[in-house]
Protein backbone atom coordinates (compact mmCIF):
# COMPACT_ATOMS: atom_id res chain seq x y z
CA MET A 1 0.00 0.00 0.00
CA PHE A 2 1.26 3.48 -0.86
CA ARG A 3 2.07 5.22 2.39
CA HIS A 4 3.79 8.49 3.23
CA ARG A 5 6.08 7.73 6.12
CA LEU A 6 7.06 10.32 8.66
CA ALA A 7 10.73 10.39 9.54
CA VAL A 8 11.02 8.63 12.87
CA THR A 9 14.23 8.51 14.85
CA ILE A 10 14.71 5.02 16.24
CA SER A 11 15.34 5.26 19.93
CA ALA A 12 14.11 3.45 22.99
CA ALA A 13 11.20 4.83 24.97
CA THR A 14 12.11 6.45 28.25
CA ALA A 15 11.97 3.87 31.01
CA LEU A 16 9.83 4.69 34.00
CA THR A 17 11.38 3.84 37.36
CA LEU A 18 8.51 3.35 39.74
CA ALA A 19 8.24 1.57 43.08
CA VAL A 20 6.08 -1.53 42.84
CA ALA A 21 4.13 -3.18 45.62
CA GLY A 22 4.54 -6.84 46.61
CA CYS A 23 2.94 -9.73 44.78
CA GLY A 24 0.11 -12.08 45.69
CA GLY A 25 -3.16 -13.45 44.42
CA THR A 26 -4.53 -16.53 42.74
CA THR A 27 -1.95 -18.81 41.15
CA LYS A 28 -2.71 -20.85 38.05
CA ASP A 29 -2.42 -24.63 38.30
CA SER A 30 1.06 -25.57 37.10
CA ASN A 31 -0.43 -28.67 35.47
CA ALA A 32 -2.87 -26.70 33.32
CA ASN A 33 -2.86 -27.61 29.65
CA SER A 34 -2.42 -24.05 28.45
CA GLY A 35 -1.24 -20.71 29.70
CA GLY A 36 0.85 -19.74 32.66
CA GLY A 37 4.14 -19.49 30.83
CA THR A 38 7.46 -18.92 32.53
CA GLN A 39 8.71 -16.00 34.55
CA ALA A 40 10.87 -13.43 32.75
CA SER A 41 14.02 -14.80 34.43
CA ALA A 42 13.57 -18.20 32.75
CA THR A 43 15.19 -19.20 29.46
CA ALA A 44 13.19 -18.78 26.27
CA ASP A 45 12.63 -21.76 23.97
CA PRO A 46 12.43 -20.33 20.44
CA ASN A 47 11.29 -23.72 19.14
CA ALA A 48 8.33 -24.00 21.51
CA ALA A 49 4.97 -24.32 19.79
CA LEU A 50 2.36 -21.64 20.39
CA LYS A 51 -0.27 -22.99 22.75
CA GLU A 52 -3.88 -23.16 21.62
CA GLY A 53 -6.77 -22.22 23.86
CA LEU A 54 -4.93 -19.36 25.55
CA LYS A 55 -7.23 -16.95 27.37
CA ILE A 56 -6.16 -13.46 26.28
CA ALA A 57 -7.97 -10.49 27.85
CA TYR A 58 -7.80 -6.89 26.63
CA LEU A 59 -8.14 -3.98 29.03
CA PRO A 60 -8.09 -0.70 27.05
CA LYS A 61 -8.00 2.74 28.66
CA GLN A 62 -11.76 2.94 28.36
CA LEU A 63 -14.63 1.31 26.50
CA ASN A 64 -16.58 3.03 23.71
CA ASN A 65 -13.50 4.98 22.62
CA PRO A 66 -13.14 4.85 18.80
CA TYR A 67 -9.37 4.45 18.96
CA SER A 68 -9.52 1.69 21.57
CA ASP A 69 -12.25 -0.07 19.60
CA VAL A 70 -9.99 -0.25 16.54
CA GLU A 71 -7.03 -1.41 18.65
CA THR A 72 -8.92 -4.24 20.29
CA SER A 73 -10.49 -5.33 17.00
CA GLY A 74 -6.98 -6.20 15.85
CA GLY A 75 -6.47 -8.13 19.06
CA GLU A 76 -9.66 -10.09 18.51
CA GLU A 77 -8.56 -10.99 14.98
CA ALA A 78 -5.18 -12.25 16.23
CA VAL A 79 -6.65 -14.26 19.11
CA LYS A 80 -8.94 -16.05 16.66
CA GLU A 81 -5.93 -16.87 14.47
CA LEU A 82 -4.19 -18.23 17.55
CA LYS A 83 -7.24 -20.37 18.39
CA GLY A 84 -7.52 -18.71 21.76
CA GLU A 85 -10.29 -17.17 23.87
CA TYR A 86 -10.69 -13.40 23.47
CA LYS A 87 -12.15 -11.13 26.13
CA LYS A 88 -12.44 -7.34 26.40
CA VAL A 89 -13.27 -5.51 29.62
CA GLY A 90 -12.72 -2.00 30.87
CA PRO A 91 -14.02 1.17 32.46
CA ASN A 92 -16.15 3.84 30.84
CA ASP A 93 -13.78 6.55 32.05
CA ALA A 94 -10.01 6.92 31.77
CA SER A 95 -9.26 7.81 35.40
CA ALA A 96 -6.05 6.66 37.04
CA SER A 97 -7.47 3.87 39.22
CA SER A 98 -10.40 2.77 37.05
CA GLN A 99 -8.62 -0.30 35.65
CA VAL A 100 -7.54 -1.87 38.95
CA SER A 101 -10.76 -3.74 39.73
CA TYR A 102 -10.78 -5.23 36.22
CA ILE A 103 -7.23 -6.53 36.62
CA ASN A 104 -8.20 -8.16 39.90
CA THR A 105 -11.19 -9.84 38.26
CA LEU A 106 -9.05 -11.12 35.38
CA ILE A 107 -6.66 -12.65 37.91
CA GLN A 108 -9.55 -14.49 39.57
CA GLN A 109 -10.66 -15.70 36.14
CA GLN A 110 -7.17 -17.12 35.59
CA GLN A 111 -6.51 -15.50 32.25
CA ASP A 112 -3.28 -16.51 30.50
CA VAL A 113 -2.48 -13.04 29.17
CA ILE A 114 -3.63 -9.54 30.12
CA VAL A 115 -3.11 -6.88 27.44
CA ILE A 116 -3.54 -3.42 28.96
CA ALA A 117 -3.26 0.21 27.86
CA ALA A 118 -2.40 1.74 31.23
CA ASN A 119 -4.28 4.85 32.30
CA ASP A 120 -1.65 5.52 34.95
CA PRO A 121 1.82 3.95 35.33
CA ASN A 122 1.57 3.79 39.12
CA ALA A 123 -2.01 2.82 39.93
CA VAL A 124 -2.06 -0.43 37.94
CA CYS A 125 1.31 -1.84 38.99
CA PRO A 126 0.44 -3.60 42.27
CA SER A 127 -2.40 -5.49 40.57
CA LEU A 128 -0.34 -6.26 37.48
CA ASN A 129 2.38 -7.76 39.64
CA GLN A 130 -0.23 -9.85 41.42
CA ALA A 131 -1.22 -11.11 37.96
CA ARG A 132 2.38 -11.95 37.12
CA ALA A 133 2.77 -13.76 40.44
CA ALA A 134 -0.25 -15.82 39.37
CA LYS A 135 1.69 -16.81 36.21
CA ILE A 136 -0.34 -14.47 33.97
CA LYS A 137 1.68 -12.74 31.28
CA VAL A 138 1.22 -8.96 31.09
CA VAL A 139 1.62 -7.05 27.84
CA THR A 140 1.11 -3.29 27.79
CA PHE A 141 0.16 -1.60 24.54
CA ASP A 142 -0.34 2.00 23.45
CA SER A 143 0.32 3.39 26.97
CA ASP A 144 2.96 1.72 29.12
CA ALA A 145 3.14 0.88 32.81
CA SER A 146 6.41 0.56 34.70
CA LYS A 147 8.78 -1.90 33.10
CA ASP A 148 8.85 -3.69 36.47
CA CYS A 149 5.20 -4.72 36.31
CA ARG A 150 4.80 -6.05 32.78
CA ASP A 151 6.55 -8.54 30.51
CA ALA A 152 6.55 -6.58 27.26
CA PHE A 153 5.37 -3.24 25.86
CA ILE A 154 3.95 -2.76 22.36
CA ASN A 155 4.87 0.78 21.33
CA GLN A 156 3.15 2.41 18.35
CA ALA A 157 6.40 4.04 17.27
CA THR A 158 9.34 5.33 19.24
CA THR A 159 8.54 8.00 21.83
CA GLN A 160 11.26 10.17 20.35
CA GLY A 161 9.89 9.83 16.85
CA ILE A 162 6.31 10.69 17.80
CA GLY A 163 7.37 13.75 19.82
CA GLU A 164 9.53 14.96 16.95
CA SER A 165 6.66 14.47 14.50
CA LEU A 166 4.25 16.48 16.65
CA ALA A 167 6.71 19.37 16.83
CA LYS A 168 7.40 19.18 13.10
CA MET A 169 3.70 19.27 12.18
CA ALA A 170 3.12 22.21 14.54
CA LEU A 171 5.91 24.15 12.84
CA GLU A 172 4.56 23.36 9.38
CA GLN A 173 1.03 24.42 10.34
CA ALA A 174 2.11 27.65 12.05
CA GLY A 175 3.97 28.81 8.96
CA ALA A 176 7.08 30.94 8.57
CA SER A 177 5.93 33.57 11.05
CA GLY A 178 5.44 31.01 13.84
CA GLY A 179 3.28 32.01 16.79
CA GLU A 180 1.52 30.54 19.81
CA ILE A 181 0.67 26.85 19.96
CA ALA A 182 -1.13 24.74 22.56
CA VAL A 183 -1.41 21.03 23.29
CA LEU A 184 -4.77 19.35 23.87
CA SER A 185 -3.86 16.07 25.58
CA ALA A 186 -5.76 13.18 27.16
CA THR A 187 -5.40 12.74 30.95
CA PRO A 188 -2.68 14.36 33.09
CA ASN A 189 -1.37 10.88 34.02
CA ALA A 190 -1.37 9.30 30.55
CA THR A 191 2.05 7.70 30.19
CA ASN A 192 2.31 7.86 26.42
CA GLN A 193 0.89 11.38 26.10
CA ASN A 194 3.26 12.79 28.70
CA ALA A 195 6.29 11.09 27.15
CA TRP A 196 5.45 12.46 23.69
CA ILE A 197 4.83 15.95 25.05
CA ASP A 198 8.15 15.90 26.91
CA VAL A 199 9.98 15.10 23.67
CA MET A 200 7.97 17.76 21.85
CA LYS A 201 9.00 20.36 24.44
CA LYS A 202 12.66 19.47 23.99
CA GLU A 203 12.26 19.83 20.23
CA LEU A 204 10.63 23.24 20.66
CA ALA A 205 13.71 24.41 22.57
CA LYS A 206 15.85 23.95 19.45
CA PRO A 207 16.77 26.99 17.30
CA GLU A 208 14.65 25.90 14.35
CA TYR A 209 11.54 26.14 16.54
CA SER A 210 12.38 29.53 18.06
CA LYS A 211 9.32 31.21 16.46
CA LEU A 212 6.91 28.82 18.18
CA LYS A 213 5.70 29.46 21.73
CA LEU A 214 3.94 26.71 23.68
CA VAL A 215 1.42 28.57 25.83
CA LYS A 216 -0.48 25.72 27.49
CA VAL A 217 -1.02 21.99 27.80
CA ALA A 218 -4.75 21.36 28.31
CA TYR A 219 -6.37 18.05 29.25
CA GLY A 220 -9.63 16.77 27.80
CA ASN A 221 -9.47 13.45 29.69
CA ASP A 222 -10.08 11.56 26.42
CA ASP A 223 -13.70 12.66 26.68
CA ASP A 224 -15.24 14.21 23.58
CA GLN A 225 -17.28 16.93 25.28
CA LYS A 226 -14.54 17.82 27.76
CA SER A 227 -12.01 18.04 24.92
CA PHE A 228 -14.38 20.25 22.90
CA GLN A 229 -14.74 22.58 25.90
CA GLU A 230 -10.99 22.67 26.42
CA ALA A 231 -10.46 23.64 22.78
CA GLN A 232 -13.00 26.43 23.22
CA GLY A 233 -11.24 27.51 26.43
CA LEU A 234 -7.87 27.63 24.69
CA MET A 235 -9.20 30.08 22.11
CA GLN A 236 -10.81 32.23 24.77
CA SER A 237 -7.57 32.40 26.74
CA PHE A 238 -5.26 32.71 23.73
CA PRO A 239 -7.11 34.44 20.87
CA ASN A 240 -3.89 34.66 18.82
CA LEU A 241 -3.29 30.91 18.95
CA LYS A 242 -2.00 29.51 15.65
CA VAL A 243 -2.01 25.73 16.22
CA ILE A 244 -3.72 23.20 18.49
CA VAL A 245 -1.67 19.98 18.69
CA ALA A 246 -3.66 17.00 19.99
CA PRO A 247 -1.68 13.77 20.52
CA THR A 248 -4.94 11.89 21.17
CA THR A 249 -7.60 10.79 18.69
CA VAL A 250 -10.43 12.05 20.90
CA GLY A 251 -8.77 15.44 21.33
CA ILE A 252 -7.92 16.06 17.70
CA ALA A 253 -11.46 15.22 16.54
CA ALA A 254 -13.08 17.40 19.21
CA GLY A 255 -10.64 20.24 18.54
CA ALA A 256 -11.30 20.07 14.82
CA ARG A 257 -15.06 20.03 15.41
CA TYR A 258 -14.84 23.20 17.50
CA ILE A 259 -12.47 25.09 15.20
CA GLY A 260 -14.35 23.96 12.08
CA SER A 261 -17.63 25.34 13.40
CA SER A 262 -16.22 28.63 14.68
CA SER A 263 -14.88 31.89 13.31
CA TYR A 264 -11.38 30.50 13.84
CA LYS A 265 -11.69 28.13 10.87
CA GLY A 266 -8.91 28.87 8.40
CA LYS A 267 -7.05 30.89 11.05
CA VAL A 268 -6.19 28.20 13.60
CA ALA A 269 -4.70 24.88 12.54
CA VAL A 270 -5.46 21.57 14.24
CA THR A 271 -2.98 18.71 13.98
CA GLY A 272 -1.74 15.72 15.95
CA LEU A 273 -2.71 12.03 16.04
CA GLY A 274 -6.08 10.93 14.68
CA LEU A 275 -8.08 8.19 12.99
CA PRO A 276 -8.62 8.72 9.24
CA ASN A 277 -12.33 7.83 9.44
CA GLN A 278 -12.84 10.34 12.26
CA MET A 279 -10.83 13.09 10.62
CA ARG A 280 -11.84 12.71 6.97
CA GLN A 281 -14.59 15.35 7.06
CA TYR A 282 -12.28 17.90 8.68
CA VAL A 283 -9.57 17.29 6.11
CA LYS A 284 -12.03 17.60 3.25
CA ASP A 285 -13.53 20.86 4.57
CA GLY A 286 -10.07 22.38 5.09
CA THR A 287 -10.11 22.54 8.90
CA VAL A 288 -7.20 20.08 9.15
CA LYS A 289 -4.34 20.05 6.65
CA LYS A 290 -2.23 17.24 8.11
CA PHE A 291 -2.20 14.72 10.94
CA ALA A 292 -0.62 11.34 11.58
CA LEU A 293 -1.20 7.90 13.10
CA TRP A 294 -0.26 4.24 12.82
CA ASN A 295 -2.89 1.54 12.28
CA PRO A 296 -4.30 0.97 15.81
CA ALA A 297 -5.59 -2.48 14.86
CA ASP A 298 -2.00 -3.59 14.23
CA ILE A 299 -1.04 -2.64 17.80
CA GLY A 300 -3.72 -4.90 19.25
CA TYR A 301 -2.83 -7.64 16.77
CA LEU A 302 0.87 -7.52 17.64
CA ALA A 303 0.08 -7.55 21.37
CA ALA A 304 -1.83 -10.84 21.04
CA TYR A 305 1.05 -12.57 19.30
CA ALA A 306 3.55 -11.22 21.84
CA GLY A 307 1.32 -12.42 24.68
CA ALA A 308 0.93 -15.86 23.13
CA ALA A 309 4.69 -16.17 22.62
CA LEU A 310 5.25 -15.22 26.26
CA ALA A 311 2.63 -17.64 27.57
CA SER A 312 4.06 -20.42 25.41
CA GLY A 313 7.64 -19.88 26.57
CA LYS A 314 8.95 -18.88 23.13
CA ILE A 315 10.11 -15.55 24.57
CA THR A 316 10.57 -14.11 28.05
CA GLY A 317 10.49 -10.42 27.18
CA ALA A 318 14.28 -10.14 27.26
CA GLU A 319 16.10 -7.86 24.83
CA GLY A 320 16.96 -9.77 21.67
CA ASP A 321 14.12 -12.30 21.92
CA LYS A 322 12.51 -12.90 18.52
CA PHE A 323 9.00 -14.00 17.57
CA SER A 324 6.66 -14.06 14.61
CA ALA A 325 3.47 -11.98 14.61
CA GLY A 326 1.31 -13.46 11.88
CA LYS A 327 0.66 -11.09 8.98
CA LEU A 328 2.91 -8.41 10.52
CA GLY A 329 6.03 -10.53 10.22
CA ASP A 330 8.93 -11.03 12.60
CA TYR A 331 9.85 -8.81 15.57
CA THR A 332 12.81 -8.50 17.91
CA ILE A 333 12.32 -7.28 21.47
CA GLY A 334 14.32 -4.17 22.30
CA LYS A 335 15.58 -2.62 25.51
CA ASP A 336 13.28 -2.85 28.55
CA GLY A 337 10.92 -5.23 26.77
CA GLU A 338 9.84 -2.70 24.15
CA ILE A 339 8.47 -3.89 20.81
CA VAL A 340 8.05 -1.08 18.26
CA LEU A 341 5.28 -1.51 15.70
CA GLY A 342 6.80 0.96 13.22
CA PRO A 343 6.65 4.57 12.04
CA PRO A 344 3.30 6.37 11.72
CA THR A 345 1.66 7.42 8.47
CA GLU A 346 1.02 11.05 7.59
CA PHE A 347 -2.49 11.84 6.34
CA THR A 348 -3.46 14.72 4.03
CA ALA A 349 -6.20 15.41 1.49
CA ASP A 350 -4.07 13.59 -1.07
CA ASN A 351 -4.13 10.19 0.60
CA ILE A 352 -6.78 10.04 3.34
CA ASP A 353 -9.31 8.22 1.15
CA LYS A 354 -6.88 5.31 0.81
CA PHE A 355 -7.34 4.41 4.48
CA ASN A 356 -10.35 2.95 6.25
CA PHE A 357 -9.92 2.75 10.03
């Protein structure tokens, strides 16, 4: 497929060093026919066969979120290919502690793999380590938890590359004269959002970005109405704003909806990370000139294969471990258990109709 690739610098995501509580909880029967796997300290067996019947549960940031729905659809596809049992559970809000009770329930249900997009790197760790003590493999995707409380992390692209791309698109949208820009993020504790914004800030400190001024980072909590109100508030507080950068699919769609229906259309640019199907109307009406994203379904798909390889003992999550991920091909685990899907795609009026997700 013809794809415009953004330049992405390959670098490892910043590791989070967080204190983790002790382990406990239900332990899976060591004589079970499937699941359980080995602890990360064990030796991988690259020749081990993938187990069938693995119970793989997905816990996205929140349910009824268009981005999460696409992500988990890829997971469901992969679990079917693996002849496993797919489950999806989660909260209706993206608050820091909202996922904990679901993790605890999945432990009691003796899942083989938990795939989670962490709302907060701290709040989920005690429960995730209880899951690991119960011989459940933990794979984070999209938004990481501490490296000490999961076995592998599926990253959309490198943190460095995404942050650089956000800064680059902001500069392009602001134009030669530069001006004020603002970020419309998800939640204040979102691991991935904060890491990308940190990189973006470092980029903005470079000479080539000297004409841009970041005036505020606002939080829409990955809620459509809240994000819409935050976009409105940004324009009220900063009437000379040139660009709103939203590194969240909910935020960019809500921001575009507000700007596109206001007197700021054509004067204020909206860019960031979005779903083509959500953003198509705003690209076609001229509200949005450019945004980027990877295929979210591929993240969920890759997470299932990584989880199955972990639960089957083919890999342990150690750097250098290799595994095959179905239609996506072969992957090698990097530093701190990170598995990078690949660089994002840039969407404009010229190519957006070629994508359907």
